[in-house]
C-alpha atoms as a PDB file:
ATOM      1  CA  MET A   1     -10.553   5.538 -35.355  1.00  0.00           C
ATOM      2  CA  ALA A   2      -9.937   3.057 -32.375  1.00  0.00           C
ATOM      3  CA  PHE A   3      -8.339   3.700 -29.094  1.00  0.00           C
ATOM      4  CA  SER A   4      -7.087   1.129 -26.950  1.00  0.00           C
ATOM      5  CA  ALA A   5      -6.750   1.656 -23.041  1.00  0.00           C
ATOM      6  CA  PRO A   6      -3.696   1.411 -21.444  1.00  0.00           C
ATOM      7  CA  ALA A   7      -3.443  -2.009 -19.439  1.00  0.00           C
ATOM      8  CA  ALA A   8      -3.778  -1.571 -15.612  1.00  0.00           C
ATOM      9  CA  ASP A   9      -0.693  -2.629 -13.769  1.00  0.00           C
ATOM     10  CA  THR A  10      -1.501  -2.639 -10.149  1.00  0.00           C
ATOM     11  CA  ARG A  11       2.090  -3.843  -9.079  1.00  0.00           C
ATOM     12  CA  VAL A  12       3.740  -1.471  -6.293  1.00  0.00           C
ATOM     13  CA  LYS A  13       6.429   0.569  -7.710  1.00  0.00           C
ATOM     14  CA  ASP A  14       6.824   2.651  -4.384  1.00  0.00           C
ATOM     15  CA  VAL A  15       5.608   3.433  -0.978  1.00  0.00           C
ATOM     16  CA  ARG A  16       5.412   6.719   1.137  1.00  0.00           C
ATOM     17  CA  VAL A  17       4.093   7.011   4.705  1.00  0.00           C
ATOM     18  CA  GLY A  18       3.391  10.569   5.630  1.00  0.00           C
ATOM     19  CA  GLU A  19       2.007  11.670   9.018  1.00  0.00           C
ATOM     20  CA  ASN A  20      -1.582  11.001   8.208  1.00  0.00           C
ATOM     21  CA  GLU A  21      -1.723   8.994   5.049  1.00  0.00           C
ATOM     22  CA  LEU A  22      -0.361   5.948   3.170  1.00  0.00           C
ATOM     23  CA  SER A  23       0.648   6.421  -0.422  1.00  0.00           C
ATOM     24  CA  VAL A  24       1.195   3.612  -2.629  1.00  0.00           C
ATOM     25  CA  PHE A  25       2.587   4.375  -6.297  1.00  0.00           C
ATOM     26  CA  LEU A  26       1.521   1.835  -8.774  1.00  0.00           C
ATOM     27  CA  MET A  27       3.582   0.840 -12.226  1.00  0.00           C
ATOM     28  CA  ASP A  28       0.786   2.269 -14.172  1.00  0.00           C
ATOM     29  CA  GLY A  29       1.238   5.741 -12.823  1.00  0.00           C
ATOM     30  CA  ARG A  30      -1.568   5.947 -10.323  1.00  0.00           C
ATOM     31  CA  THR A  31      -1.306   6.426  -6.701  1.00  0.00           C
ATOM     32  CA  ILE A  32      -3.292   5.165  -3.919  1.00  0.00           C
ATOM     33  CA  SER A  33      -3.577   7.514  -0.876  1.00  0.00           C
ATOM     34  CA  VAL A  34      -5.429   6.072   2.338  1.00  0.00           C
ATOM     35  CA  PRO A  35      -5.671   7.278   5.769  1.00  0.00           C
ATOM     36  CA  LEU A  36      -2.930   5.978   7.873  1.00  0.00           C
ATOM     37  CA  GLY A  37      -5.140   5.470  10.812  1.00  0.00           C
ATOM     38  CA  TRP A  38      -6.816   2.588   8.893  1.00  0.00           C
ATOM     39  CA  TYR A  39      -3.698   0.502   9.727  1.00  0.00           C
ATOM     40  CA  PRO A  40      -3.025   0.668  13.550  1.00  0.00           C
ATOM     41  CA  ARG A  41       0.064  -1.291  13.140  1.00  0.00           C
ATOM     42  CA  LEU A  42       1.791   1.371  10.842  1.00  0.00           C
ATOM     43  CA  VAL A  43       0.295   4.014  13.094  1.00  0.00           C
ATOM     44  CA  ALA A  44       2.320   2.371  16.035  1.00  0.00           C
ATOM     45  CA  ALA A  45       5.430   1.871  14.018  1.00  0.00           C
ATOM     46  CA  THR A  46       8.616   3.957  14.484  1.00  0.00           C
ATOM     47  CA  PRO A  47       9.811   5.896  11.185  1.00  0.00           C
ATOM     48  CA  ASP A  48      12.679   3.198  10.824  1.00  0.00           C
ATOM     49  CA  GLN A  49      10.048   0.400  10.997  1.00  0.00           C
ATOM     50  CA  LEU A  50       7.799   2.430   8.244  1.00  0.00           C
ATOM     51  CA  ARG A  51      10.954   2.931   5.862  1.00  0.00           C
ATOM     52  CA  HIS A  52      11.722  -0.768   6.177  1.00  0.00           C
ATOM     53  CA  TRP A  53       9.124  -2.259   3.386  1.00  0.00           C
ATOM     54  CA  GLU A  54       9.340  -4.636   0.935  1.00  0.00           C
ATOM     55  CA  ILE A  55       7.296  -5.377  -2.255  1.00  0.00           C
ATOM     56  CA  ALA A  56       5.658  -8.873  -1.780  1.00  0.00           C
ATOM     57  CA  GLY A  57       3.077 -11.334  -3.553  1.00  0.00           C
ATOM     58  CA  GLY A  58       4.658 -10.931  -6.789  1.00  0.00           C
ATOM     59  CA  GLY A  59       4.655  -7.305  -6.916  1.00  0.00           C
ATOM     60  CA  TYR A  60       0.940  -6.837  -5.645  1.00  0.00           C
ATOM     61  CA  GLY A  61       1.482  -6.629  -1.954  1.00  0.00           C
ATOM     62  CA  ILE A  62       3.658  -4.618   0.557  1.00  0.00           C
ATOM     63  CA  HIS A  63       5.166  -6.367   3.838  1.00  0.00           C
ATOM     64  CA  TRP A  64       6.609  -4.651   6.637  1.00  0.00           C
ATOM     65  CA  PRO A  65       8.699  -7.373   8.201  1.00  0.00           C
ATOM     66  CA  ASP A  66       9.666  -5.515  11.393  1.00  0.00           C
ATOM     67  CA  ILE A  67       5.880  -5.111  12.402  1.00  0.00           C
ATOM     68  CA  ASP A  68       4.253  -8.081  10.501  1.00  0.00           C
ATOM     69  CA  GLU A  69       2.015  -5.972   8.403  1.00  0.00           C
ATOM     70  CA  ASP A  70       0.918  -6.889   5.007  1.00  0.00           C
ATOM     71  CA  LEU A  71      -1.215  -5.060   2.525  1.00  0.00           C
ATOM     72  CA  SER A  72      -2.252  -5.692  -0.882  1.00  0.00           C
ATOM     73  CA  THR A  73      -2.799  -3.242  -3.757  1.00  0.00           C
ATOM     74  CA  GLU A  74      -6.233  -5.129  -4.348  1.00  0.00           C
ATOM     75  CA  GLY A  75      -7.489  -4.158  -0.773  1.00  0.00           C
ATOM     76  CA  LEU A  76      -5.969  -0.744  -1.129  1.00  0.00           C
ATOM     77  CA  LEU A  77      -7.902  -0.084  -4.217  1.00  0.00           C
ATOM     78  CA  ARG A  78     -11.251  -1.634  -2.701  1.00  0.00           C
ATOM     79  CA  GLY A  79     -10.450   0.714   0.320  1.00  0.00           C
ATOM     80  CA  ALA A  80     -10.320  -1.954   2.744  1.00  0.00           C
ATOM     81  CA  PRO A  81      -9.017  -0.736   6.262  1.00  0.00           C
ATOM     82  CA  ALA A  82      -7.424  -3.356   8.520  1.00  0.00           C
ATOM     83  CA  PRO A  83      -9.824  -5.835  10.291  1.00  0.00           C
ATOM     84  CA  ARG A  84     -10.607  -4.614  13.798  1.00  0.00           C
ATOM     85  CA  ARG A  85      -9.305  -7.248  16.305  1.00  0.00           C
ATOM     86  CA  GLY A  86     -11.824  -8.447  18.726  1.00  0.00           C
END
């Protein structure tokens, strides 16, 4: 008996920003949750700015136009926080 694994689909379905975490819901049913503190621009944003996000990069990214922040599902899956500014 052969089983085939469902194809991973890491495109963004939905985004929620909580008090301490960012949760990104993927098309394949997975959820990526990371500490909000990893992304200083998101921490400093207003609730309205956080709610105003767009799917970008062919579905593999998230863009917050009001704060000029971009994240990719690839980076989130790798556990990559925002680079520190010098």
